[in-house]
PDB file of all heavy atoms in Angstrom:
ATOM      1  N   GLY A   1    -116.108 -24.731 -36.384  1.00  0.00           N
ATOM      2  CA  GLY A   1    -116.322 -24.668 -34.924  1.00  0.00           C
ATOM      3  C   GLY A   1    -116.973 -25.803 -34.418  1.00  0.00           C
ATOM      4  O   GLY A   1    -117.629 -25.803 -33.299  1.00  0.00           O
ATOM      5  N   ARG A   2    -116.999 -26.939 -35.160  1.00  0.00           N
ATOM      6  CA  ARG A   2    -117.588 -28.183 -34.695  1.00  0.00           C
ATOM      7  C   ARG A   2    -116.722 -29.418 -35.126  1.00  0.00           C
ATOM      8  O   ARG A   2    -115.983 -29.245 -36.064  1.00  0.00           O
ATOM      9  CB  ARG A   2    -118.967 -28.401 -35.413  1.00  0.00           C
ATOM     10  CG  ARG A   2    -119.971 -27.311 -35.145  1.00  0.00           C
ATOM     11  CD  ARG A   2    -121.327 -27.668 -35.782  1.00  0.00           C
ATOM     12  NE  ARG A   2    -122.236 -26.636 -35.861  1.00  0.00           N
ATOM     13  CZ  ARG A   2    -123.478 -26.618 -36.360  1.00  0.00           C
ATOM     14  NH1 ARG A   2    -123.919 -27.855 -36.815  1.00  0.00           N
ATOM     15  NH2 ARG A   2    -124.228 -25.584 -36.355  1.00  0.00           N
ATOM     16  N   LYS A   3    -116.778 -30.433 -34.324  1.00  0.00           N
ATOM     17  CA  LYS A   3    -116.019 -31.674 -34.612  1.00  0.00           C
ATOM     18  C   LYS A   3    -116.860 -32.524 -35.532  1.00  0.00           C
ATOM     19  O   LYS A   3    -118.132 -32.612 -35.403  1.00  0.00           O
ATOM     20  CB  LYS A   3    -115.660 -32.387 -33.400  1.00  0.00           C
ATOM     21  CG  LYS A   3    -114.696 -31.660 -32.409  1.00  0.00           C
ATOM     22  CD  LYS A   3    -113.297 -31.326 -32.954  1.00  0.00           C
ATOM     23  CE  LYS A   3    -112.531 -32.612 -32.910  1.00  0.00           C
ATOM     24  NZ  LYS A   3    -111.111 -32.331 -33.464  1.00  0.00           N
ATOM     25  N   ALA A   4    -116.256 -33.264 -36.463  1.00  0.00           N
ATOM     26  CA  ALA A   4    -116.827 -34.157 -37.341  1.00  0.00           C
ATOM     27  C   ALA A   4    -116.770 -35.587 -36.703  1.00  0.00           C
ATOM     28  O   ALA A   4    -115.918 -35.955 -36.180  1.00  0.00           O
ATOM     29  CB  ALA A   4    -116.160 -34.061 -38.650  1.00  0.00           C
ATOM     30  N   GLU A   5    -117.895 -36.284 -36.989  1.00  0.00           N
ATOM     31  CA  GLU A   5    -117.969 -37.725 -36.685  1.00  0.00           C
ATOM     32  C   GLU A   5    -117.469 -38.370 -37.873  1.00  0.00           C
ATOM     33  O   GLU A   5    -117.972 -38.208 -39.072  1.00  0.00           O
ATOM     34  CB  GLU A   5    -119.407 -38.217 -36.411  1.00  0.00           C
ATOM     35  CG  GLU A   5    -119.466 -39.696 -36.096  1.00  0.00           C
ATOM     36  CD  GLU A   5    -120.876 -40.288 -36.094  1.00  0.00           C
ATOM     37  OE1 GLU A   5    -121.815 -39.359 -35.896  1.00  0.00           O
ATOM     38  OE2 GLU A   5    -121.153 -41.408 -36.104  1.00  0.00           O
ATOM     39  N   LYS A   6    -116.366 -39.263 -37.795  1.00  0.00           N
ATOM     40  CA  LYS A   6    -115.616 -39.789 -38.915  1.00  0.00           C
ATOM     41  C   LYS A   6    -115.888 -41.209 -39.045  1.00  0.00           C
ATOM     42  O   LYS A   6    -115.814 -41.901 -38.066  1.00  0.00           O
ATOM     43  CB  LYS A   6    -114.196 -39.477 -38.848  1.00  0.00           C
ATOM     44  CG  LYS A   6    -113.773 -38.046 -38.656  1.00  0.00           C
ATOM     45  CD  LYS A   6    -112.370 -37.798 -38.442  1.00  0.00           C
ATOM     46  CE  LYS A   6    -112.039 -36.297 -38.046  1.00  0.00           C
ATOM     47  NZ  LYS A   6    -112.518 -35.870 -36.713  1.00  0.00           N
ATOM     48  N   VAL A   7    -116.175 -41.686 -40.237  1.00  0.00           N
ATOM     49  CA  VAL A   7    -116.313 -43.060 -40.615  1.00  0.00           C
ATOM     50  C   VAL A   7    -115.109 -43.425 -41.440  1.00  0.00           C
ATOM     51  O   VAL A   7    -114.949 -43.024 -42.583  1.00  0.00           O
ATOM     52  CB  VAL A   7    -117.673 -43.402 -41.331  1.00  0.00           C
ATOM     53  CG1 VAL A   7    -117.577 -44.976 -41.664  1.00  0.00           C
ATOM     54  CG2 VAL A   7    -118.809 -43.077 -40.481  1.00  0.00           C
ATOM     55  N   MET A   8    -114.034 -44.142 -40.924  1.00  0.00           N
ATOM     56  CA  MET A   8    -112.896 -44.444 -41.695  1.00  0.00           C
ATOM     57  C   MET A   8    -113.056 -45.604 -42.680  1.00  0.00           C
ATOM     58  O   MET A   8    -113.546 -46.635 -42.291  1.00  0.00           O
ATOM     59  CB  MET A   8    -111.732 -44.795 -40.711  1.00  0.00           C
ATOM     60  CG  MET A   8    -111.372 -43.691 -39.772  1.00  0.00           C
ATOM     61  SD  MET A   8    -110.788 -42.192 -40.606  1.00  0.00           S
ATOM     62  CE  MET A   8    -110.411 -41.122 -39.348  1.00  0.00           C
ATOM     63  N   LEU A   9    -112.775 -45.416 -43.812  1.00  0.00           N
ATOM     64  CA  LEU A   9    -112.954 -46.311 -45.010  1.00  0.00           C
ATOM     65  C   LEU A   9    -111.600 -46.683 -45.734  1.00  0.00           C
ATOM     66  O   LEU A   9    -110.663 -45.638 -45.722  1.00  0.00           O
ATOM     67  CB  LEU A   9    -113.937 -45.918 -45.854  1.00  0.00           C
ATOM     68  CG  LEU A   9    -115.413 -45.676 -45.231  1.00  0.00           C
ATOM     69  CD1 LEU A   9    -116.434 -45.074 -46.304  1.00  0.00           C
ATOM     70  CD2 LEU A   9    -116.013 -47.102 -44.898  1.00  0.00           C
ATOM     71  N   PRO A  10    -111.505 -47.681 -46.473  1.00  0.00           N
ATOM     72  CA  PRO A  10    -110.325 -47.919 -47.351  1.00  0.00           C
ATOM     73  C   PRO A  10    -110.316 -47.121 -48.567  1.00  0.00           C
ATOM     74  O   PRO A  10    -111.353 -46.423 -48.911  1.00  0.00           O
ATOM     75  CB  PRO A  10    -110.425 -49.368 -47.594  1.00  0.00           C
ATOM     76  CG  PRO A  10    -111.852 -49.757 -47.579  1.00  0.00           C
ATOM     77  CD  PRO A  10    -112.362 -48.829 -46.428  1.00  0.00           C
ATOM     78  N   LEU A  11    -109.164 -47.166 -49.294  1.00  0.00           N
ATOM     79  CA  LEU A  11    -109.130 -46.489 -50.535  1.00  0.00           C
ATOM     80  C   LEU A  11    -110.248 -46.973 -51.525  1.00  0.00           C
ATOM     81  O   LEU A  11    -110.332 -48.109 -51.613  1.00  0.00           O
ATOM     82  CB  LEU A  11    -107.728 -46.687 -51.166  1.00  0.00           C
ATOM     83  CG  LEU A  11    -107.346 -45.776 -52.281  1.00  0.00           C
ATOM     84  CD1 LEU A  11    -107.130 -44.328 -51.899  1.00  0.00           C
ATOM     85  CD2 LEU A  11    -106.020 -46.248 -52.921  1.00  0.00           C
ATOM     86  N   GLN A  12    -110.848 -46.203 -52.254  1.00  0.00           N
ATOM     87  CA  GLN A  12    -111.961 -46.445 -53.177  1.00  0.00           C
ATOM     88  C   GLN A  12    -111.346 -46.832 -54.617  1.00  0.00           C
ATOM     89  O   GLN A  12    -110.381 -46.171 -55.013  1.00  0.00           O
ATOM     90  CB  GLN A  12    -112.940 -45.488 -53.250  1.00  0.00           C
ATOM     91  CG  GLN A  12    -113.598 -45.094 -51.982  1.00  0.00           C
ATOM     92  CD  GLN A  12    -114.385 -46.285 -51.388  1.00  0.00           C
ATOM     93  OE1 GLN A  12    -115.428 -46.687 -51.957  1.00  0.00           O
ATOM     94  NE2 GLN A  12    -113.901 -46.959 -50.325  1.00  0.00           N
ATOM     95  N   PRO A  13    -111.978 -47.532 -55.403  1.00  0.00           N
ATOM     96  CA  PRO A  13    -111.556 -47.863 -56.723  1.00  0.00           C
ATOM     97  C   PRO A  13    -111.562 -46.492 -57.539  1.00  0.00           C
ATOM     98  O   PRO A  13    -112.380 -45.785 -57.446  1.00  0.00           O
ATOM     99  CB  PRO A  13    -112.721 -48.702 -57.333  1.00  0.00           C
ATOM    100  CG  PRO A  13    -113.227 -49.485 -56.056  1.00  0.00           C
ATOM    101  CD  PRO A  13    -113.222 -48.456 -55.018  1.00  0.00           C
ATOM    102  N   GLY A  14    -110.391 -46.367 -58.309  1.00  0.00           N
ATOM    103  CA  GLY A  14    -110.298 -45.203 -59.003  1.00  0.00           C
ATOM    104  C   GLY A  14    -109.616 -44.044 -58.459  1.00  0.00           C
ATOM    105  O   GLY A  14    -109.196 -43.070 -59.101  1.00  0.00           O
ATOM    106  N   ASP A  15    -109.440 -44.166 -57.152  1.00  0.00           N
ATOM    107  CA  ASP A  15    -108.761 -43.002 -56.328  1.00  0.00           C
ATOM    108  C   ASP A  15    -107.290 -43.298 -56.321  1.00  0.00           C
ATOM    109  O   ASP A  15    -106.817 -44.425 -56.462  1.00  0.00           O
ATOM    110  CB  ASP A  15    -109.202 -43.072 -54.928  1.00  0.00           C
ATOM    111  CG  ASP A  15    -110.591 -42.274 -54.650  1.00  0.00           C
ATOM    112  OD1 ASP A  15    -111.026 -41.629 -55.668  1.00  0.00           O
ATOM    113  OD2 ASP A  15    -111.136 -42.339 -53.556  1.00  0.00           O
ATOM    114  N   VAL A  16    -106.522 -42.172 -56.184  1.00  0.00           N
ATOM    115  CA  VAL A  16    -105.070 -42.276 -55.960  1.00  0.00           C
ATOM    116  C   VAL A  16    -104.709 -41.886 -54.625  1.00  0.00           C
ATOM    117  O   VAL A  16    -105.427 -41.051 -53.970  1.00  0.00           O
ATOM    118  CB  VAL A  16    -104.413 -41.398 -57.088  1.00  0.00           C
ATOM    119  CG1 VAL A  16    -104.588 -42.002 -58.495  1.00  0.00           C
ATOM    120  CG2 VAL A  16    -104.657 -39.907 -57.009  1.00  0.00           C
ATOM    121  N   VAL A  17    -103.601 -42.245 -54.168  1.00  0.00           N
ATOM    122  CA  VAL A  17    -103.192 -42.000 -52.666  1.00  0.00           C
ATOM    123  C   VAL A  17    -102.775 -40.419 -52.593  1.00  0.00           C
ATOM    124  O   VAL A  17    -103.160 -39.871 -51.602  1.00  0.00           O
ATOM    125  CB  VAL A  17    -102.040 -42.917 -52.286  1.00  0.00           C
ATOM    126  CG1 VAL A  17    -101.549 -42.496 -50.936  1.00  0.00           C
ATOM    127  CG2 VAL A  17    -102.485 -44.297 -52.203  1.00  0.00           C
ATOM    128  N   ALA A  18    -102.082 -39.990 -53.537  1.00  0.00           N
ATOM    129  CA  ALA A  18    -101.430 -38.506 -53.320  1.00  0.00           C
ATOM    130  C   ALA A  18    -101.460 -37.871 -54.713  1.00  0.00           C
ATOM    131  O   ALA A  18    -101.219 -38.503 -55.820  1.00  0.00           O
ATOM    132  CB  ALA A  18    -100.199 -38.682 -52.704  1.00  0.00           C
ATOM    133  N   THR A  19    -101.625 -36.520 -54.620  1.00  0.00           N
ATOM    134  CA  THR A  19    -101.371 -35.654 -55.832  1.00  0.00           C
ATOM    135  C   THR A  19    -100.565 -34.492 -55.341  1.00  0.00           C
ATOM    136  O   THR A  19    -100.722 -34.061 -54.262  1.00  0.00           O
ATOM    137  CB  THR A  19    -102.744 -35.166 -56.484  1.00  0.00           C
ATOM    138  OG1 THR A  19    -103.361 -34.293 -55.584  1.00  0.00           O
ATOM    139  CG2 THR A  19    -103.597 -36.314 -56.894  1.00  0.00           C
ATOM    140  N   SER A  20     -99.664 -34.018 -56.188  1.00  0.00           N
ATOM    141  CA  SER A  20     -98.830 -32.884 -55.945  1.00  0.00           C
ATOM    142  C   SER A  20     -98.339 -32.322 -57.257  1.00  0.00           C
ATOM    143  O   SER A  20     -97.974 -33.096 -58.171  1.00  0.00           O
ATOM    144  CB  SER A  20     -97.683 -33.249 -55.010  1.00  0.00           C
ATOM    145  OG  SER A  20     -96.785 -32.133 -54.936  1.00  0.00           O
ATOM    146  N   ALA A  21     -98.564 -31.024 -57.468  1.00  0.00           N
ATOM    147  CA  ALA A  21     -98.238 -30.485 -58.789  1.00  0.00           C
ATOM    148  C   ALA A  21     -96.833 -29.777 -58.917  1.00  0.00           C
ATOM    149  O   ALA A  21     -96.606 -29.088 -57.992  1.00  0.00           O
ATOM    150  CB  ALA A  21     -99.339 -29.362 -59.080  1.00  0.00           C
ATOM    151  N   ASP A  22     -96.179 -30.073 -59.930  1.00  0.00           N
ATOM    152  CA  ASP A  22     -94.892 -29.276 -60.230  1.00  0.00           C
ATOM    153  C   ASP A  22     -95.499 -28.173 -61.197  1.00  0.00           C
ATOM    154  O   ASP A  22     -95.966 -28.438 -62.342  1.00  0.00           O
ATOM    155  CB  ASP A  22     -93.959 -30.178 -60.948  1.00  0.00           C
ATOM    156  CG  ASP A  22     -92.765 -29.394 -61.458  1.00  0.00           C
ATOM    157  OD1 ASP A  22     -92.724 -28.260 -61.541  1.00  0.00           O
ATOM    158  OD2 ASP A  22     -91.764 -30.083 -61.817  1.00  0.00           O
ATOM    159  N   VAL A  23     -95.380 -26.942 -60.646  1.00  0.00           N
ATOM    160  CA  VAL A  23     -96.051 -25.721 -61.439  1.00  0.00           C
ATOM    161  C   VAL A  23     -94.839 -24.838 -61.992  1.00  0.00           C
ATOM    162  O   VAL A  23     -95.184 -23.654 -62.332  1.00  0.00           O
ATOM    163  CB  VAL A  23     -96.977 -24.964 -60.598  1.00  0.00           C
ATOM    164  CG1 VAL A  23     -98.197 -25.805 -60.274  1.00  0.00           C
ATOM    165  CG2 VAL A  23     -96.313 -24.397 -59.317  1.00  0.00           C
ATOM    166  N   ALA A  24     -93.678 -25.407 -62.035  1.00  0.00           N
ATOM    167  CA  ALA A  24     -92.591 -24.560 -62.500  1.00  0.00           C
ATOM    168  C   ALA A  24     -92.786 -24.061 -63.905  1.00  0.00           C
ATOM    169  O   ALA A  24     -92.410 -22.864 -64.057  1.00  0.00           O
ATOM    170  CB  ALA A  24     -91.234 -25.306 -62.513  1.00  0.00           C
ATOM    171  N   ASP A  25     -93.292 -24.761 -64.756  1.00  0.00           N
ATOM    172  CA  ASP A  25     -93.426 -24.274 -66.195  1.00  0.00           C
ATOM    173  C   ASP A  25     -94.575 -23.140 -66.275  1.00  0.00           C
ATOM    174  O   ASP A  25     -94.383 -22.104 -66.857  1.00  0.00           O
ATOM    175  CB  ASP A  25     -93.964 -25.415 -67.084  1.00  0.00           C
ATOM    176  CG  ASP A  25     -92.768 -26.448 -67.379  1.00  0.00           C
ATOM    177  OD1 ASP A  25     -91.767 -26.296 -66.902  1.00  0.00           O
ATOM    178  OD2 ASP A  25     -93.022 -27.291 -68.281  1.00  0.00           O
ATOM    179  N   LEU A  26     -95.650 -23.373 -65.449  1.00  0.00           N
ATOM    180  CA  LEU A  26     -96.656 -22.282 -65.335  1.00  0.00           C
ATOM    181  C   LEU A  26     -96.016 -20.927 -64.829  1.00  0.00           C
ATOM    182  O   LEU A  26     -96.219 -19.850 -65.348  1.00  0.00           O
ATOM    183  CB  LEU A  26     -97.747 -22.753 -64.444  1.00  0.00           C
ATOM    184  CG  LEU A  26     -98.909 -21.731 -64.178  1.00  0.00           C
ATOM    185  CD1 LEU A  26     -99.743 -21.573 -65.492  1.00  0.00           C
ATOM    186  CD2 LEU A  26     -99.749 -22.134 -63.081  1.00  0.00           C
ATOM    187  N   GLY A  27     -95.168 -21.147 -63.809  1.00  0.00           N
ATOM    188  CA  GLY A  27     -94.585 -19.931 -63.124  1.00  0.00           C
ATOM    189  C   GLY A  27     -93.683 -19.224 -64.178  1.00  0.00           C
ATOM    190  O   GLY A  27     -93.558 -17.984 -64.315  1.00  0.00           O
ATOM    191  N   ARG A  28     -92.867 -20.088 -64.886  1.00  0.00           N
ATOM    192  CA  ARG A  28     -91.838 -19.531 -65.798  1.00  0.00           C
ATOM    193  C   ARG A  28     -92.636 -18.774 -66.947  1.00  0.00           C
ATOM    194  O   ARG A  28     -92.103 -17.711 -67.345  1.00  0.00           O
ATOM    195  CB  ARG A  28     -91.062 -20.725 -66.311  1.00  0.00           C
ATOM    196  CG  ARG A  28     -89.912 -20.229 -67.496  1.00  0.00           C
ATOM    197  CD  ARG A  28     -89.396 -21.388 -68.215  1.00  0.00           C
ATOM    198  NE  ARG A  28     -90.477 -21.948 -68.913  1.00  0.00           N
ATOM    199  CZ  ARG A  28     -90.745 -23.314 -69.253  1.00  0.00           C
ATOM    200  NH1 ARG A  28     -89.863 -24.106 -68.701  1.00  0.00           N
ATOM    201  NH2 ARG A  28     -91.718 -23.690 -69.981  1.00  0.00           N
TER     202      ARG A  28
END
């Protein structure tokens, strides 16, 4: 219920841009 004050920064060392899991094997 509150807005955040944001400080925009570049990608940090060690970070990756995106993650997404294929969980088909777990489901099977």
